[in-house]
Every structure is written in structure tokens, then in C-alpha cells.
């Protein structure tokens, strides 16, 4: 299996696990996963009502660009990079896109 297909499967699995966990919380909203394999975009979307407050937010957004996984947004406690590494993705193939390019060189992850 080529790297891109492998990473696509890993991303989908990890995001689905996060969505399932978030859906089990008693906050009154639904967590959904949105996959765009053609363009390499992967998102967890939280949507619904929590009391009188309507929620529509994206706690996780990953892109697959070439053989690198770009974490564009991560609103999790542990950080989704930890889950990607545990699933077999090397740190040098993970880009913390939400970090400024000048800072990325100091993160231990890929710069771009």
C-alpha cells in the first residue's frame, strides 16, 4: 500500500475515534467526520444544541498533502499528533500547520 493510501486510512480511523469519543460526551451535540479523499481534506465537525447555545465548530482539521499529514487545527487535550504517531506515522511526516513556519523547525515535526 502506498504511503498516501496508508495515511488516508490512518487519518480516517483516528478522526472517527475522536468523533465517537466526542459523541459520547453529554454536551448535547453530534460529532461528525467529513472526508474528502479527492482533495485530501479531513474534518471532525461538532454540531447541535447545548442548552440555549447552538454549536457549529471544527475541533479537528487535517490535510493530506503528498506524503505529509498537515494538522491545520487541533482542539484536543493530548494533541492528535500523538494518535497519528501511535498509529505509525513518523514525526517527520507530520506538519503542525497551525504553528507559524518560523516555529515549526523547533517542534520536532516536519517543517513543510
C-alpha atoms as a PDB file:
ATOM      1  CA  UNK A   1       0.000   0.000   0.000  1.00  0.00           C
ATOM      2  CA  UNK A   2       1.455   3.361  -0.910  1.00  0.00           C
ATOM      3  CA  UNK A   3       2.085   5.956   1.773  1.00  0.00           C
ATOM      4  CA  UNK A   4      -0.780   8.244   0.803  1.00  0.00           C
ATOM      5  CA  UNK A   5      -3.377   5.461   0.924  1.00  0.00           C
ATOM      6  CA  UNK A   6      -1.975   4.223   4.237  1.00  0.00           C
ATOM      7  CA  UNK A   7      -2.081   7.720   5.747  1.00  0.00           C
ATOM      8  CA  UNK A   8      -5.607   8.265   4.427  1.00  0.00           C
ATOM      9  CA  UNK A   9      -6.766   5.138   6.272  1.00  0.00           C
ATOM     10  CA  UNK A  10      -4.935   6.169   9.450  1.00  0.00           C
ATOM     11  CA  UNK A  11      -6.424   9.683   9.361  1.00  0.00           C
ATOM     12  CA  UNK A  12      -9.948   8.327   8.892  1.00  0.00           C
ATOM     13  CA  UNK A  13      -9.555   5.837  11.726  1.00  0.00           C
ATOM     14  CA  UNK A  14      -8.086   8.360  14.170  1.00  0.00           C
ATOM     15  CA  UNK A  15     -10.679  11.037  13.362  1.00  0.00           C
ATOM     16  CA  UNK A  16     -13.516   8.521  13.678  1.00  0.00           C
ATOM     17  CA  UNK A  17     -12.217   7.538  17.124  1.00  0.00           C
ATOM     18  CA  UNK A  18     -12.176  11.200  18.165  1.00  0.00           C
ATOM     19  CA  UNK A  19     -15.684  11.776  16.796  1.00  0.00           C
ATOM     20  CA  UNK A  20     -17.000   8.686  18.594  1.00  0.00           C
ATOM     21  CA  UNK A  21     -15.448   9.859  21.856  1.00  0.00           C
ATOM     22  CA  UNK A  22     -16.844  13.368  21.457  1.00  0.00           C
ATOM     23  CA  UNK A  23     -20.303  11.982  20.574  1.00  0.00           C
ATOM     24  CA  UNK A  24     -20.372  10.101  23.892  1.00  0.00           C
ATOM     25  CA  UNK A  25     -19.976  13.323  25.866  1.00  0.00           C
ATOM     26  CA  UNK A  26     -23.197  14.673  27.323  1.00  0.00           C
ATOM     27  CA  UNK A  27     -22.903  18.129  25.795  1.00  0.00           C
ATOM     28  CA  UNK A  28     -25.940  17.780  23.522  1.00  0.00           C
ATOM     29  CA  UNK A  29     -24.189  17.948  20.173  1.00  0.00           C
ATOM     30  CA  UNK A  30     -23.285  15.461  17.473  1.00  0.00           C
ATOM     31  CA  UNK A  31     -19.761  14.885  16.179  1.00  0.00           C
ATOM     32  CA  UNK A  32     -19.397  14.044  12.505  1.00  0.00           C
ATOM     33  CA  UNK A  33     -16.439  13.183  10.322  1.00  0.00           C
ATOM     34  CA  UNK A  34     -16.128  14.695   6.865  1.00  0.00           C
ATOM     35  CA  UNK A  35     -13.729  13.077   4.400  1.00  0.00           C
ATOM     36  CA  UNK A  36     -12.704  14.492   1.009  1.00  0.00           C
ATOM     37  CA  UNK A  37     -10.278  11.899  -0.344  1.00  0.00           C
ATOM     38  CA  UNK A  38     -10.042  13.564  -3.743  1.00  0.00           C
ATOM     39  CA  UNK A  39      -8.661  16.810  -2.287  1.00  0.00           C
ATOM     40  CA  UNK A  40      -7.128  15.387   0.903  1.00  0.00           C
ATOM     41  CA  UNK A  41      -9.260  17.209   3.490  1.00  0.00           C
ATOM     42  CA  UNK A  42     -10.403  15.533   6.724  1.00  0.00           C
ATOM     43  CA  UNK A  43     -12.501  17.202   9.427  1.00  0.00           C
ATOM     44  CA  UNK A  44     -14.365  16.457  12.642  1.00  0.00           C
ATOM     45  CA  UNK A  45     -17.421  18.692  12.918  1.00  0.00           C
ATOM     46  CA  UNK A  46     -19.368  19.257  16.139  1.00  0.00           C
ATOM     47  CA  UNK A  47     -22.919  20.441  15.556  1.00  0.00           C
ATOM     48  CA  UNK A  48     -26.069  20.775  17.656  1.00  0.00           C
ATOM     49  CA  UNK A  49     -27.622  22.467  20.645  1.00  0.00           C
ATOM     50  CA  UNK A  50     -26.161  22.699  24.121  1.00  0.00           C
ATOM     51  CA  UNK A  51     -28.966  24.228  26.139  1.00  0.00           C
ATOM     52  CA  UNK A  52     -29.761  27.589  24.535  1.00  0.00           C
ATOM     53  CA  UNK A  53     -26.471  27.724  22.645  1.00  0.00           C
ATOM     54  CA  UNK A  54     -26.064  26.443  19.076  1.00  0.00           C
ATOM     55  CA  UNK A  55     -22.712  24.846  18.361  1.00  0.00           C
ATOM     56  CA  UNK A  56     -21.088  24.521  14.944  1.00  0.00           C
ATOM     57  CA  UNK A  57     -17.344  24.058  15.283  1.00  0.00           C
ATOM     58  CA  UNK A  58     -14.430  22.169  13.789  1.00  0.00           C
ATOM     59  CA  UNK A  59     -12.251  20.737  16.577  1.00  0.00           C
ATOM     60  CA  UNK A  60     -10.008  18.828  14.151  1.00  0.00           C
ATOM     61  CA  UNK A  61      -8.877  19.599  10.602  1.00  0.00           C
ATOM     62  CA  UNK A  62      -6.199  17.582   8.815  1.00  0.00           C
ATOM     63  CA  UNK A  63      -4.988  17.725   5.219  1.00  0.00           C
ATOM     64  CA  UNK A  64      -3.035  15.086   3.321  1.00  0.00           C
ATOM     65  CA  UNK A  65      -0.546  16.837   1.052  1.00  0.00           C
ATOM     66  CA  UNK A  66       1.741  14.443  -0.793  1.00  0.00           C
ATOM     67  CA  UNK A  67       3.171  12.107   1.835  1.00  0.00           C
ATOM     68  CA  UNK A  68       2.707  14.563   4.718  1.00  0.00           C
ATOM     69  CA  UNK A  69      -0.182  14.966   7.119  1.00  0.00           C
ATOM     70  CA  UNK A  70      -0.825  18.628   7.844  1.00  0.00           C
ATOM     71  CA  UNK A  71      -2.592  19.309  11.135  1.00  0.00           C
ATOM     72  CA  UNK A  72      -4.382  22.556  10.314  1.00  0.00           C
ATOM     73  CA  UNK A  73      -6.339  22.783  13.563  1.00  0.00           C
ATOM     74  CA  UNK A  74      -6.311  20.718  16.751  1.00  0.00           C
ATOM     75  CA  UNK A  75      -8.583  21.470  19.692  1.00  0.00           C
ATOM     76  CA  UNK A  76      -7.896  18.257  21.624  1.00  0.00           C
ATOM     77  CA  UNK A  77      -6.228  17.916  25.013  1.00  0.00           C
ATOM     78  CA  UNK A  78      -3.499  15.451  24.077  1.00  0.00           C
ATOM     79  CA  UNK A  79      -2.993  16.584  20.504  1.00  0.00           C
ATOM     80  CA  UNK A  80      -3.900  14.458  17.510  1.00  0.00           C
ATOM     81  CA  UNK A  81      -0.229  14.176  16.521  1.00  0.00           C
ATOM     82  CA  UNK A  82       0.183  11.751  19.441  1.00  0.00           C
ATOM     83  CA  UNK A  83      -2.503   9.485  17.969  1.00  0.00           C
ATOM     84  CA  UNK A  84      -1.003   9.680  14.484  1.00  0.00           C
ATOM     85  CA  UNK A  85       2.418   8.695  15.823  1.00  0.00           C
ATOM     86  CA  UNK A  86       0.879   5.801  17.785  1.00  0.00           C
ATOM     87  CA  UNK A  87      -0.774   4.656  14.532  1.00  0.00           C
ATOM     88  CA  UNK A  88       2.610   4.509  12.792  1.00  0.00           C
ATOM     89  CA  UNK A  89       3.073   7.927  11.193  1.00  0.00           C
ATOM     90  CA  UNK A  90       6.640   9.185  11.730  1.00  0.00           C
ATOM     91  CA  UNK A  91       7.034  12.696  13.165  1.00  0.00           C
ATOM     92  CA  UNK A  92       8.908  13.774  10.028  1.00  0.00           C
ATOM     93  CA  UNK A  93       5.704  13.200   8.025  1.00  0.00           C
ATOM     94  CA  UNK A  94       3.505  15.335  10.285  1.00  0.00           C
ATOM     95  CA  UNK A  95       3.370  19.113   9.811  1.00  0.00           C
ATOM     96  CA  UNK A  96       1.904  21.311  12.539  1.00  0.00           C
ATOM     97  CA  UNK A  97       0.252  23.673  10.074  1.00  0.00           C
ATOM     98  CA  UNK A  98      -1.288  25.729  12.882  1.00  0.00           C
ATOM     99  CA  UNK A  99       2.224  26.716  14.008  1.00  0.00           C
ATOM    100  CA  UNK A 100       3.967  29.636  12.310  1.00  0.00           C
ATOM    101  CA  UNK A 101       6.544  28.428   9.742  1.00  0.00           C
ATOM    102  CA  UNK A 102       9.402  30.001  11.749  1.00  0.00           C
ATOM    103  CA  UNK A 103       8.410  27.990  14.832  1.00  0.00           C
ATOM    104  CA  UNK A 104       7.945  24.615  13.104  1.00  0.00           C
ATOM    105  CA  UNK A 105      11.685  23.929  12.954  1.00  0.00           C
ATOM    106  CA  UNK A 106      11.721  23.775  16.755  1.00  0.00           C
ATOM    107  CA  UNK A 107       8.767  21.379  17.166  1.00  0.00           C
ATOM    108  CA  UNK A 108      10.440  18.082  16.256  1.00  0.00           C
ATOM    109  CA  UNK A 109       7.907  17.632  13.451  1.00  0.00           C
ATOM    110  CA  UNK A 110       8.185  18.309   9.715  1.00  0.00           C
ATOM    111  CA  UNK A 111       8.629  21.936   8.662  1.00  0.00           C
ATOM    112  CA  UNK A 112       6.590  21.549   5.452  1.00  0.00           C
END
